[in-house]
Amino acid sequence: VGLFPLDISARLFASMGTSGSVGHSALLKENGRFSVEGLAPGRYLVSVSLPNSTWRTVQRVASADADASGNMLTVGETGAADVLVVVTDTPLATLEGSVELARYESAGATRVVVFPTNADLWLEPQRYSTQFQWAFVSPKHTVRIENLPAGDYFVARVSTFDFEMSTRSLERWSKTAERVTLRAGQTTTVTVKR
């Protein structure tokens, strides 16, 4: 079980030391319980890795004494106890696409951004990082993005110089984006037009 911080603070940088590593993890015990030590207060993405198993998709996180939403957990000053992580063997969705480029446009200078159509989530993309993803366009003008939660998304082509996923940028990109509905365990194909 891995917990990866969403809030970068001075305290987090100090705890990283010279290793540069971010996040904490713990091995599951035989009874399915786990304990992660040394967590600073803040918000964390929760992931699960079960070697040689298809049971690895985090469906939801719940806690009796901490805020939890989707695959995110908020840890307070006293930590978080009785955390339940529900996983499923249904893989997340995959998006494959082709990108229309002008004759002299370079695939290397173009990226595709995928983000939810629900504008309420645009205020804090880092909180829903699995739903906001980038991918570079291949030399064959194709793109593939895996591990997207099911739902309705915008798919837009942007310049590699567009790196700020702000509400203003998302609003601008949504005006020319393609709309797709992704389903768990399925691959959806889209053509991203100019």
N, C-alpha and C. Protein backbone atom coordinates (compact mmCIF):
# COMPACT_ATOMS: atom_id res chain seq x y z
N VAL A 1 0.86 -1.17 0.00
CA VAL A 1 0.00 0.00 0.00
C VAL A 1 0.90 1.23 0.00
N GLY A 2 0.67 2.14 -0.93
CA GLY A 2 1.48 3.35 -1.01
C GLY A 2 0.64 4.59 -0.80
N LEU A 3 1.20 5.57 -0.09
CA LEU A 3 0.56 6.86 0.11
C LEU A 3 1.49 7.94 -0.42
N PHE A 4 0.99 8.73 -1.38
CA PHE A 4 1.81 9.73 -2.04
C PHE A 4 1.22 11.12 -1.80
N PRO A 5 2.00 12.05 -1.24
CA PRO A 5 1.47 13.35 -0.83
C PRO A 5 0.99 14.20 -1.99
N LEU A 6 -0.15 14.86 -1.77
CA LEU A 6 -0.68 15.81 -2.75
C LEU A 6 -0.26 17.23 -2.41
N ASP A 7 0.06 17.49 -1.15
CA ASP A 7 0.44 18.82 -0.70
C ASP A 7 1.94 18.85 -0.45
N ILE A 8 2.65 19.65 -1.23
CA ILE A 8 4.09 19.77 -1.05
C ILE A 8 4.35 20.94 -0.09
N SER A 9 4.96 20.65 1.04
CA SER A 9 5.22 21.67 2.06
C SER A 9 6.69 21.65 2.44
N ALA A 10 7.09 22.67 3.21
CA ALA A 10 8.48 22.72 3.70
C ALA A 10 8.77 21.50 4.57
N ARG A 11 7.77 21.09 5.34
CA ARG A 11 7.95 19.92 6.20
C ARG A 11 8.18 18.66 5.37
N LEU A 12 7.48 18.56 4.24
CA LEU A 12 7.67 17.40 3.37
C LEU A 12 9.06 17.41 2.76
N PHE A 13 9.50 18.58 2.28
CA PHE A 13 10.84 18.67 1.71
C PHE A 13 11.90 18.28 2.73
N ALA A 14 11.71 18.71 3.98
CA ALA A 14 12.67 18.36 5.03
C ALA A 14 12.69 16.86 5.28
N SER A 15 11.51 16.23 5.22
CA SER A 15 11.44 14.78 5.48
C SER A 15 12.04 13.98 4.32
N MET A 16 12.10 14.58 3.11
CA MET A 16 12.68 13.89 1.97
C MET A 16 14.19 13.77 2.10
N GLY A 17 14.81 14.75 2.76
CA GLY A 17 16.26 14.72 2.91
C GLY A 17 16.94 14.78 1.56
N THR A 18 18.03 14.07 1.43
CA THR A 18 18.79 14.09 0.17
C THR A 18 18.37 12.97 -0.78
N SER A 19 17.47 12.08 -0.31
CA SER A 19 17.08 10.94 -1.15
C SER A 19 16.19 11.37 -2.30
N GLY A 20 15.40 12.45 -2.08
CA GLY A 20 14.48 12.91 -3.12
C GLY A 20 13.24 12.05 -3.23
N SER A 21 13.10 11.03 -2.38
CA SER A 21 11.94 10.15 -2.46
C SER A 21 10.73 10.81 -1.84
N VAL A 22 9.58 10.53 -2.41
CA VAL A 22 8.33 11.09 -1.92
C VAL A 22 7.36 9.94 -1.68
N GLY A 23 6.63 9.99 -0.58
CA GLY A 23 5.63 8.98 -0.31
C GLY A 23 6.08 7.98 0.73
N HIS A 24 5.12 7.19 1.16
CA HIS A 24 5.34 6.17 2.18
C HIS A 24 4.63 4.90 1.74
N SER A 25 5.11 3.78 2.18
CA SER A 25 4.45 2.53 1.82
C SER A 25 4.57 1.53 2.95
N ALA A 26 3.76 0.50 2.87
CA ALA A 26 3.78 -0.58 3.86
C ALA A 26 3.35 -1.87 3.19
N LEU A 27 3.87 -2.98 3.69
CA LEU A 27 3.46 -4.29 3.18
C LEU A 27 2.23 -4.77 3.93
N LEU A 28 1.35 -5.43 3.20
CA LEU A 28 0.17 -6.01 3.83
C LEU A 28 0.56 -7.21 4.68
N LYS A 29 -0.09 -7.33 5.83
CA LYS A 29 0.09 -8.52 6.66
C LYS A 29 -0.85 -9.60 6.14
N GLU A 30 -0.69 -10.81 6.65
CA GLU A 30 -1.52 -11.92 6.16
C GLU A 30 -3.01 -11.68 6.38
N ASN A 31 -3.36 -10.93 7.42
CA ASN A 31 -4.77 -10.66 7.69
C ASN A 31 -5.31 -9.46 6.91
N GLY A 32 -4.47 -8.91 5.99
CA GLY A 32 -4.91 -7.80 5.16
C GLY A 32 -4.72 -6.43 5.79
N ARG A 33 -4.18 -6.38 7.01
CA ARG A 33 -3.97 -5.10 7.69
C ARG A 33 -2.62 -4.51 7.29
N PHE A 34 -2.49 -3.20 7.45
CA PHE A 34 -1.23 -2.52 7.16
C PHE A 34 -1.10 -1.31 8.08
N SER A 35 0.13 -0.84 8.25
CA SER A 35 0.41 0.33 9.07
C SER A 35 1.50 1.13 8.40
N VAL A 36 1.24 2.42 8.17
CA VAL A 36 2.21 3.31 7.54
C VAL A 36 2.64 4.33 8.60
N GLU A 37 3.91 4.38 8.88
CA GLU A 37 4.44 5.25 9.93
C GLU A 37 5.02 6.54 9.34
N GLY A 38 5.09 7.58 10.18
CA GLY A 38 5.80 8.80 9.82
C GLY A 38 5.11 9.71 8.82
N LEU A 39 3.79 9.64 8.74
CA LEU A 39 3.07 10.50 7.79
C LEU A 39 2.88 11.90 8.36
N ALA A 40 3.25 12.91 7.61
CA ALA A 40 2.96 14.29 7.99
C ALA A 40 1.49 14.56 7.69
N PRO A 41 0.85 15.45 8.44
CA PRO A 41 -0.54 15.79 8.12
C PRO A 41 -0.66 16.30 6.70
N GLY A 42 -1.74 15.91 6.03
CA GLY A 42 -1.95 16.36 4.65
C GLY A 42 -2.77 15.36 3.87
N ARG A 43 -2.85 15.59 2.57
CA ARG A 43 -3.65 14.73 1.68
C ARG A 43 -2.75 13.80 0.90
N TYR A 44 -3.19 12.55 0.77
CA TYR A 44 -2.38 11.52 0.12
C TYR A 44 -3.22 10.73 -0.88
N LEU A 45 -2.61 10.40 -2.02
CA LEU A 45 -3.20 9.44 -2.94
C LEU A 45 -2.83 8.05 -2.45
N VAL A 46 -3.77 7.14 -2.50
CA VAL A 46 -3.56 5.78 -2.02
C VAL A 46 -3.49 4.85 -3.22
N SER A 47 -2.44 4.02 -3.27
CA SER A 47 -2.31 3.03 -4.34
C SER A 47 -2.04 1.67 -3.71
N VAL A 48 -2.36 0.64 -4.48
CA VAL A 48 -2.14 -0.74 -4.01
C VAL A 48 -1.45 -1.51 -5.12
N SER A 49 -0.44 -2.26 -4.77
CA SER A 49 0.25 -3.09 -5.74
C SER A 49 0.31 -4.51 -5.18
N LEU A 50 -0.35 -5.42 -5.87
CA LEU A 50 -0.35 -6.83 -5.48
C LEU A 50 0.34 -7.62 -6.58
N PRO A 51 1.59 -8.01 -6.37
CA PRO A 51 2.33 -8.72 -7.43
C PRO A 51 1.58 -9.95 -7.93
N ASN A 52 1.61 -10.15 -9.24
CA ASN A 52 0.97 -11.31 -9.88
C ASN A 52 -0.52 -11.38 -9.60
N SER A 53 -1.15 -10.22 -9.44
CA SER A 53 -2.58 -10.21 -9.15
C SER A 53 -3.24 -9.10 -9.96
N THR A 54 -4.50 -9.34 -10.36
CA THR A 54 -5.26 -8.31 -11.05
C THR A 54 -6.01 -7.42 -10.06
N TRP A 55 -5.95 -7.75 -8.77
CA TRP A 55 -6.64 -6.95 -7.75
C TRP A 55 -5.72 -5.80 -7.34
N ARG A 56 -5.77 -4.70 -8.09
CA ARG A 56 -4.89 -3.58 -7.78
C ARG A 56 -5.53 -2.22 -8.02
N THR A 57 -6.74 -2.19 -8.59
CA THR A 57 -7.40 -0.92 -8.85
C THR A 57 -8.09 -0.44 -7.57
N VAL A 58 -7.67 0.71 -7.06
CA VAL A 58 -8.30 1.26 -5.85
C VAL A 58 -9.67 1.80 -6.23
N GLN A 59 -10.69 1.18 -5.66
CA GLN A 59 -12.07 1.58 -5.95
C GLN A 59 -12.50 2.73 -5.04
N ARG A 60 -12.14 2.62 -3.76
CA ARG A 60 -12.45 3.70 -2.82
C ARG A 60 -11.63 3.54 -1.55
N VAL A 61 -11.50 4.65 -0.84
CA VAL A 61 -10.82 4.68 0.46
C VAL A 61 -11.81 5.24 1.46
N ALA A 62 -11.92 4.59 2.61
CA ALA A 62 -12.83 5.06 3.67
C ALA A 62 -12.08 5.05 4.99
N SER A 63 -12.50 5.92 5.89
CA SER A 63 -11.87 5.98 7.20
C SER A 63 -12.88 6.44 8.24
N ALA A 64 -12.78 5.86 9.45
CA ALA A 64 -13.70 6.23 10.52
C ALA A 64 -13.38 7.61 11.09
N ASP A 65 -12.11 8.02 11.05
CA ASP A 65 -11.75 9.29 11.70
C ASP A 65 -10.93 10.22 10.81
N ALA A 66 -10.99 10.06 9.50
CA ALA A 66 -10.28 10.94 8.58
C ALA A 66 -11.11 11.14 7.33
N ASP A 67 -10.88 12.25 6.64
CA ASP A 67 -11.59 12.50 5.39
C ASP A 67 -11.03 11.60 4.30
N ALA A 68 -11.92 10.98 3.55
CA ALA A 68 -11.50 10.12 2.45
C ALA A 68 -12.46 10.33 1.29
N SER A 69 -11.91 10.36 0.08
CA SER A 69 -12.72 10.55 -1.11
C SER A 69 -12.03 9.88 -2.28
N GLY A 70 -12.72 8.96 -2.95
CA GLY A 70 -12.11 8.25 -4.07
C GLY A 70 -10.88 7.51 -3.61
N ASN A 71 -9.73 7.83 -4.20
CA ASN A 71 -8.48 7.17 -3.78
C ASN A 71 -7.59 8.14 -3.01
N MET A 72 -8.23 9.12 -2.31
CA MET A 72 -7.49 10.11 -1.53
C MET A 72 -7.85 10.02 -0.06
N LEU A 73 -6.84 10.23 0.79
CA LEU A 73 -7.00 10.19 2.24
C LEU A 73 -6.38 11.44 2.83
N THR A 74 -7.10 12.11 3.73
CA THR A 74 -6.56 13.27 4.44
C THR A 74 -6.17 12.83 5.84
N VAL A 75 -4.88 12.98 6.14
CA VAL A 75 -4.34 12.57 7.44
C VAL A 75 -4.21 13.80 8.33
N GLY A 76 -4.73 13.71 9.56
CA GLY A 76 -4.67 14.82 10.49
C GLY A 76 -3.43 14.75 11.38
N GLU A 77 -3.35 15.66 12.35
CA GLU A 77 -2.21 15.73 13.26
C GLU A 77 -2.02 14.43 14.04
N THR A 78 -3.11 13.74 14.33
CA THR A 78 -3.01 12.50 15.11
C THR A 78 -3.00 11.26 14.23
N GLY A 79 -2.86 11.45 12.92
CA GLY A 79 -2.82 10.31 12.01
C GLY A 79 -4.20 9.92 11.56
N ALA A 80 -4.33 8.70 11.07
CA ALA A 80 -5.61 8.17 10.61
C ALA A 80 -5.67 6.69 10.97
N ALA A 81 -6.75 6.30 11.60
CA ALA A 81 -6.91 4.90 12.00
C ALA A 81 -8.12 4.31 11.30
N ASP A 82 -8.18 2.99 11.30
CA ASP A 82 -9.32 2.27 10.71
C ASP A 82 -9.57 2.69 9.26
N VAL A 83 -8.49 2.73 8.48
CA VAL A 83 -8.60 3.08 7.06
C VAL A 83 -8.92 1.81 6.29
N LEU A 84 -9.93 1.87 5.45
CA LEU A 84 -10.31 0.75 4.61
C LEU A 84 -10.00 1.10 3.16
N VAL A 85 -9.23 0.27 2.50
CA VAL A 85 -8.92 0.45 1.07
C VAL A 85 -9.60 -0.69 0.32
N VAL A 86 -10.54 -0.35 -0.55
CA VAL A 86 -11.27 -1.34 -1.33
C VAL A 86 -10.66 -1.39 -2.73
N VAL A 87 -10.22 -2.58 -3.14
CA VAL A 87 -9.64 -2.75 -4.46
C VAL A 87 -10.52 -3.68 -5.30
N THR A 88 -10.36 -3.58 -6.60
CA THR A 88 -11.13 -4.42 -7.51
C THR A 88 -10.20 -5.00 -8.57
N ASP A 89 -10.64 -6.07 -9.20
CA ASP A 89 -9.84 -6.65 -10.28
C ASP A 89 -10.26 -6.10 -11.64
N THR A 90 -11.21 -5.17 -11.66
CA THR A 90 -11.60 -4.54 -12.92
C THR A 90 -10.59 -3.44 -13.24
N PRO A 91 -9.90 -3.53 -14.36
CA PRO A 91 -8.91 -2.50 -14.68
C PRO A 91 -9.58 -1.17 -14.97
N LEU A 92 -8.82 -0.11 -14.85
CA LEU A 92 -9.32 1.20 -15.21
C LEU A 92 -9.45 1.30 -16.74
N ALA A 93 -9.94 2.41 -17.21
CA ALA A 93 -10.16 2.60 -18.65
C ALA A 93 -8.88 3.01 -19.35
N THR A 94 -8.85 2.77 -20.66
CA THR A 94 -7.73 3.16 -21.52
C THR A 94 -8.27 4.02 -22.65
N LEU A 95 -7.52 5.07 -22.99
CA LEU A 95 -7.88 5.94 -24.10
C LEU A 95 -6.79 5.84 -25.16
N GLU A 96 -7.19 5.53 -26.39
CA GLU A 96 -6.27 5.52 -27.53
C GLU A 96 -6.78 6.51 -28.55
N GLY A 97 -5.87 7.20 -29.19
CA GLY A 97 -6.33 8.18 -30.16
C GLY A 97 -5.31 8.49 -31.23
N SER A 98 -5.83 9.10 -32.28
CA SER A 98 -4.96 9.65 -33.32
C SER A 98 -5.14 11.16 -33.27
N VAL A 99 -4.07 11.87 -33.59
CA VAL A 99 -4.08 13.32 -33.48
C VAL A 99 -3.83 13.92 -34.85
N GLU A 100 -4.74 14.79 -35.29
CA GLU A 100 -4.59 15.45 -36.59
C GLU A 100 -3.60 16.60 -36.45
N LEU A 101 -2.56 16.57 -37.27
CA LEU A 101 -1.56 17.63 -37.27
C LEU A 101 -1.49 18.26 -38.65
N ALA A 102 -1.16 19.55 -38.68
CA ALA A 102 -0.95 20.22 -39.95
C ALA A 102 0.34 19.69 -40.58
N ARG A 103 0.53 19.99 -41.85
CA ARG A 103 1.65 19.43 -42.60
C ARG A 103 3.00 19.67 -41.93
N TYR A 104 3.21 20.86 -41.39
CA TYR A 104 4.51 21.18 -40.82
C TYR A 104 4.50 21.17 -39.28
N GLU A 105 3.42 20.68 -38.69
CA GLU A 105 3.38 20.57 -37.23
C GLU A 105 4.18 19.36 -36.77
N SER A 106 4.86 19.51 -35.67
CA SER A 106 5.68 18.43 -35.12
C SER A 106 4.92 17.69 -34.03
N ALA A 107 4.92 16.36 -34.13
CA ALA A 107 4.30 15.56 -33.08
C ALA A 107 5.01 15.79 -31.75
N GLY A 108 6.32 16.01 -31.80
CA GLY A 108 7.09 16.22 -30.59
C GLY A 108 6.76 17.51 -29.86
N ALA A 109 6.09 18.43 -30.54
CA ALA A 109 5.71 19.71 -29.91
C ALA A 109 4.26 19.71 -29.49
N THR A 110 3.62 18.56 -29.53
CA THR A 110 2.19 18.47 -29.24
C THR A 110 1.94 17.43 -28.16
N ARG A 111 1.06 17.78 -27.25
CA ARG A 111 0.62 16.83 -26.22
C ARG A 111 -0.90 16.74 -26.25
N VAL A 112 -1.40 15.70 -25.61
CA VAL A 112 -2.84 15.54 -25.43
C VAL A 112 -3.10 15.59 -23.93
N VAL A 113 -4.12 16.33 -23.56
CA VAL A 113 -4.52 16.39 -22.16
C VAL A 113 -5.93 15.82 -22.04
N VAL A 114 -6.14 15.02 -21.00
CA VAL A 114 -7.44 14.42 -20.72
C VAL A 114 -7.88 14.91 -19.35
N PHE A 115 -9.11 15.41 -19.28
CA PHE A 115 -9.61 15.91 -17.99
C PHE A 115 -11.13 15.76 -17.94
N PRO A 116 -11.69 15.65 -16.73
CA PRO A 116 -13.13 15.39 -16.61
C PRO A 116 -13.98 16.56 -17.09
N THR A 117 -15.17 16.25 -17.59
CA THR A 117 -16.08 17.30 -18.03
C THR A 117 -16.72 18.02 -16.84
N ASN A 118 -16.66 17.41 -15.66
CA ASN A 118 -17.22 18.02 -14.45
C ASN A 118 -16.32 19.18 -14.01
N ALA A 119 -16.74 20.40 -14.28
CA ALA A 119 -15.92 21.58 -14.00
C ALA A 119 -15.69 21.79 -12.51
N ASP A 120 -16.50 21.19 -11.65
CA ASP A 120 -16.27 21.31 -10.21
C ASP A 120 -14.91 20.74 -9.80
N LEU A 121 -14.41 19.77 -10.57
CA LEU A 121 -13.13 19.15 -10.25
C LEU A 121 -11.94 19.97 -10.74
N TRP A 122 -12.19 20.96 -11.57
CA TRP A 122 -11.12 21.75 -12.17
C TRP A 122 -10.43 22.66 -11.15
N LEU A 123 -11.10 22.96 -10.04
CA LEU A 123 -10.53 23.86 -9.05
C LEU A 123 -9.31 23.28 -8.37
N GLU A 124 -9.22 21.95 -8.33
CA GLU A 124 -8.12 21.31 -7.63
C GLU A 124 -7.72 20.01 -8.34
N PRO A 125 -7.12 20.13 -9.54
CA PRO A 125 -6.78 18.93 -10.32
C PRO A 125 -5.86 17.96 -9.58
N GLN A 126 -4.96 18.46 -8.73
CA GLN A 126 -4.03 17.57 -8.04
C GLN A 126 -4.76 16.62 -7.09
N ARG A 127 -5.96 16.99 -6.68
CA ARG A 127 -6.73 16.12 -5.79
C ARG A 127 -7.28 14.90 -6.54
N TYR A 128 -7.44 15.04 -7.84
CA TYR A 128 -8.00 13.97 -8.67
C TYR A 128 -7.00 13.63 -9.78
N SER A 129 -5.77 13.39 -9.41
CA SER A 129 -4.69 13.29 -10.39
C SER A 129 -4.90 12.18 -11.42
N THR A 130 -5.62 11.11 -11.07
CA THR A 130 -5.82 10.05 -12.05
C THR A 130 -6.78 10.48 -13.16
N GLN A 131 -7.57 11.53 -12.92
CA GLN A 131 -8.53 12.00 -13.91
C GLN A 131 -7.98 13.13 -14.78
N PHE A 132 -6.82 13.68 -14.42
CA PHE A 132 -6.18 14.75 -15.18
C PHE A 132 -4.83 14.22 -15.64
N GLN A 133 -4.72 13.90 -16.93
CA GLN A 133 -3.48 13.29 -17.40
C GLN A 133 -3.02 13.89 -18.72
N TRP A 134 -1.68 13.87 -18.91
CA TRP A 134 -1.03 14.34 -20.13
C TRP A 134 -0.43 13.15 -20.85
N ALA A 135 -0.23 13.29 -22.15
CA ALA A 135 0.53 12.30 -22.91
C ALA A 135 1.14 12.99 -24.13
N PHE A 136 2.38 12.64 -24.44
CA PHE A 136 3.01 13.15 -25.65
C PHE A 136 2.50 12.39 -26.86
N VAL A 137 2.42 13.07 -27.99
CA VAL A 137 1.98 12.46 -29.25
C VAL A 137 3.17 11.74 -29.86
N SER A 138 2.95 10.51 -30.30
CA SER A 138 4.03 9.70 -30.87
C SER A 138 4.36 10.20 -32.28
N PRO A 139 5.51 9.79 -32.83
CA PRO A 139 5.86 10.18 -34.21
C PRO A 139 4.81 9.73 -35.23
N LYS A 140 4.01 8.71 -34.88
CA LYS A 140 2.96 8.24 -35.79
C LYS A 140 1.64 8.97 -35.55
N HIS A 141 1.70 10.04 -34.75
CA HIS A 141 0.54 10.89 -34.46
C HIS A 141 -0.52 10.15 -33.65
N THR A 142 -0.09 9.26 -32.77
CA THR A 142 -1.03 8.52 -31.91
C THR A 142 -0.70 8.80 -30.46
N VAL A 143 -1.65 8.46 -29.62
CA VAL A 143 -1.49 8.64 -28.18
C VAL A 143 -2.23 7.52 -27.45
N ARG A 144 -1.70 7.13 -26.30
CA ARG A 144 -2.36 6.10 -25.48
C ARG A 144 -2.21 6.50 -24.01
N ILE A 145 -3.33 6.55 -23.31
CA ILE A 145 -3.34 6.90 -21.89
C ILE A 145 -4.10 5.80 -21.15
N GLU A 146 -3.43 5.20 -20.18
CA GLU A 146 -4.02 4.11 -19.41
C GLU A 146 -4.39 4.57 -18.01
N ASN A 147 -5.10 3.70 -17.32
CA ASN A 147 -5.44 3.90 -15.90
C ASN A 147 -6.25 5.15 -15.63
N LEU A 148 -7.26 5.37 -16.46
CA LEU A 148 -8.20 6.47 -16.25
C LEU A 148 -9.47 5.92 -15.60
N PRO A 149 -9.97 6.55 -14.55
CA PRO A 149 -11.25 6.11 -13.98
C PRO A 149 -12.38 6.30 -14.98
N ALA A 150 -13.39 5.48 -14.89
CA ALA A 150 -14.55 5.60 -15.79
C ALA A 150 -15.20 6.97 -15.60
N GLY A 151 -15.79 7.49 -16.68
CA GLY A 151 -16.48 8.77 -16.59
C GLY A 151 -16.45 9.53 -17.90
N ASP A 152 -16.94 10.76 -17.86
CA ASP A 152 -16.99 11.63 -19.03
C ASP A 152 -15.80 12.58 -19.01
N TYR A 153 -15.11 12.67 -20.16
CA TYR A 153 -13.87 13.44 -20.25
C TYR A 153 -13.83 14.33 -21.48
N PHE A 154 -13.00 15.39 -21.37
CA PHE A 154 -12.57 16.16 -22.52
C PHE A 154 -11.19 15.65 -22.92
N VAL A 155 -10.94 15.62 -24.23
CA VAL A 155 -9.62 15.25 -24.76
C VAL A 155 -9.21 16.38 -25.69
N ALA A 156 -8.10 17.06 -25.35
CA ALA A 156 -7.69 18.23 -26.12
C ALA A 156 -6.22 18.12 -26.50
N ARG A 157 -5.87 18.68 -27.64
CA ARG A 157 -4.46 18.76 -28.04
C ARG A 157 -3.95 20.12 -27.60
N VAL A 158 -2.74 20.11 -27.03
CA VAL A 158 -2.15 21.35 -26.54
C VAL A 158 -0.67 21.37 -26.92
N SER A 159 -0.09 22.53 -26.83
CA SER A 159 1.34 22.67 -27.08
C SER A 159 2.13 22.12 -25.90
N THR A 160 3.34 21.69 -26.15
CA THR A 160 4.19 21.23 -25.04
C THR A 160 4.53 22.38 -24.10
N PHE A 161 4.30 23.62 -24.56
CA PHE A 161 4.55 24.77 -23.69
C PHE A 161 3.38 25.01 -22.74
N ASP A 162 2.24 24.37 -23.00
CA ASP A 162 1.09 24.45 -22.08
C ASP A 162 1.32 23.43 -20.97
N PHE A 163 1.71 23.89 -19.82
CA PHE A 163 2.00 22.96 -18.72
C PHE A 163 1.19 23.28 -17.47
N GLU A 164 0.51 24.41 -17.44
CA GLU A 164 -0.23 24.79 -16.24
C GLU A 164 -1.67 24.30 -16.36
N MET A 165 -2.06 23.38 -15.49
CA MET A 165 -3.42 22.85 -15.53
C MET A 165 -4.30 23.69 -14.58
N SER A 166 -4.48 24.95 -14.95
CA SER A 166 -5.29 25.86 -14.16
C SER A 166 -6.73 25.84 -14.66
N THR A 167 -7.62 26.39 -13.86
CA THR A 167 -9.03 26.47 -14.27
C THR A 167 -9.16 27.23 -15.58
N ARG A 168 -8.39 28.31 -15.72
CA ARG A 168 -8.44 29.12 -16.94
C ARG A 168 -8.01 28.29 -18.16
N SER A 169 -6.93 27.52 -18.01
CA SER A 169 -6.46 26.68 -19.12
C SER A 169 -7.47 25.61 -19.46
N LEU A 170 -8.03 24.96 -18.45
CA LEU A 170 -9.02 23.90 -18.68
C LEU A 170 -10.25 24.44 -19.38
N GLU A 171 -10.69 25.64 -19.00
CA GLU A 171 -11.84 26.26 -19.67
C GLU A 171 -11.52 26.50 -21.15
N ARG A 172 -10.32 27.01 -21.42
CA ARG A 172 -9.91 27.29 -22.81
C ARG A 172 -9.83 26.00 -23.62
N TRP A 173 -9.21 24.96 -23.05
CA TRP A 173 -9.06 23.70 -23.77
C TRP A 173 -10.39 23.02 -24.02
N SER A 174 -11.32 23.16 -23.08
CA SER A 174 -12.62 22.47 -23.21
C SER A 174 -13.41 22.95 -24.43
N LYS A 175 -13.14 24.18 -24.89
CA LYS A 175 -13.90 24.75 -26.01
C LYS A 175 -13.60 24.06 -27.33
N THR A 176 -12.41 23.47 -27.47
CA THR A 176 -12.04 22.81 -28.72
C THR A 176 -11.83 21.30 -28.52
N ALA A 177 -12.11 20.80 -27.34
CA ALA A 177 -11.83 19.39 -27.02
C ALA A 177 -12.90 18.46 -27.57
N GLU A 178 -12.49 17.21 -27.74
CA GLU A 178 -13.43 16.13 -28.05
C GLU A 178 -14.00 15.62 -26.72
N ARG A 179 -15.22 15.12 -26.74
CA ARG A 179 -15.83 14.54 -25.53
C ARG A 179 -15.88 13.02 -25.69
N VAL A 180 -15.51 12.31 -24.62
CA VAL A 180 -15.58 10.85 -24.64
C VAL A 180 -16.14 10.36 -23.32
N THR A 181 -16.75 9.18 -23.36
CA THR A 181 -17.19 8.50 -22.15
C THR A 181 -16.35 7.25 -22.01
N LEU A 182 -15.63 7.13 -20.91
CA LEU A 182 -14.77 5.98 -20.67
C LEU A 182 -15.45 5.01 -19.72
N ARG A 183 -15.31 3.71 -20.02
CA ARG A 183 -15.90 2.66 -19.19
C ARG A 183 -14.80 1.77 -18.62
N ALA A 184 -14.98 1.37 -17.38
CA ALA A 184 -13.98 0.56 -16.69
C ALA A 184 -13.66 -0.70 -17.49
N GLY A 185 -12.38 -0.98 -17.63
CA GLY A 185 -11.94 -2.20 -18.32
C GLY A 185 -12.01 -2.14 -19.82
N GLN A 186 -12.40 -1.01 -20.38
CA GLN A 186 -12.54 -0.90 -21.84
C GLN A 186 -11.57 0.12 -22.42
N THR A 187 -11.27 -0.04 -23.70
CA THR A 187 -10.43 0.90 -24.42
C THR A 187 -11.33 1.72 -25.35
N THR A 188 -11.24 3.03 -25.25
CA THR A 188 -12.02 3.94 -26.07
C THR A 188 -11.09 4.64 -27.06
N THR A 189 -11.54 4.76 -28.31
CA THR A 189 -10.73 5.37 -29.36
C THR A 189 -11.32 6.73 -29.72
N VAL A 190 -10.45 7.69 -29.94
CA VAL A 190 -10.89 9.04 -30.29
C VAL A 190 -9.93 9.65 -31.30
N THR A 191 -10.45 10.52 -32.17
CA THR A 191 -9.61 11.31 -33.06
C THR A 191 -9.61 12.72 -32.54
N VAL A 192 -8.42 13.23 -32.22
CA VAL A 192 -8.29 14.59 -31.69
C VAL A 192 -8.01 15.51 -32.87
N LYS A 193 -8.97 16.35 -33.18
CA LYS A 193 -8.88 17.18 -34.39
C LYS A 193 -8.16 18.49 -34.12
N ARG A 194 -7.77 19.15 -35.22
CA ARG A 194 -7.10 20.44 -35.11
C ARG A 194 -8.09 21.51 -34.73
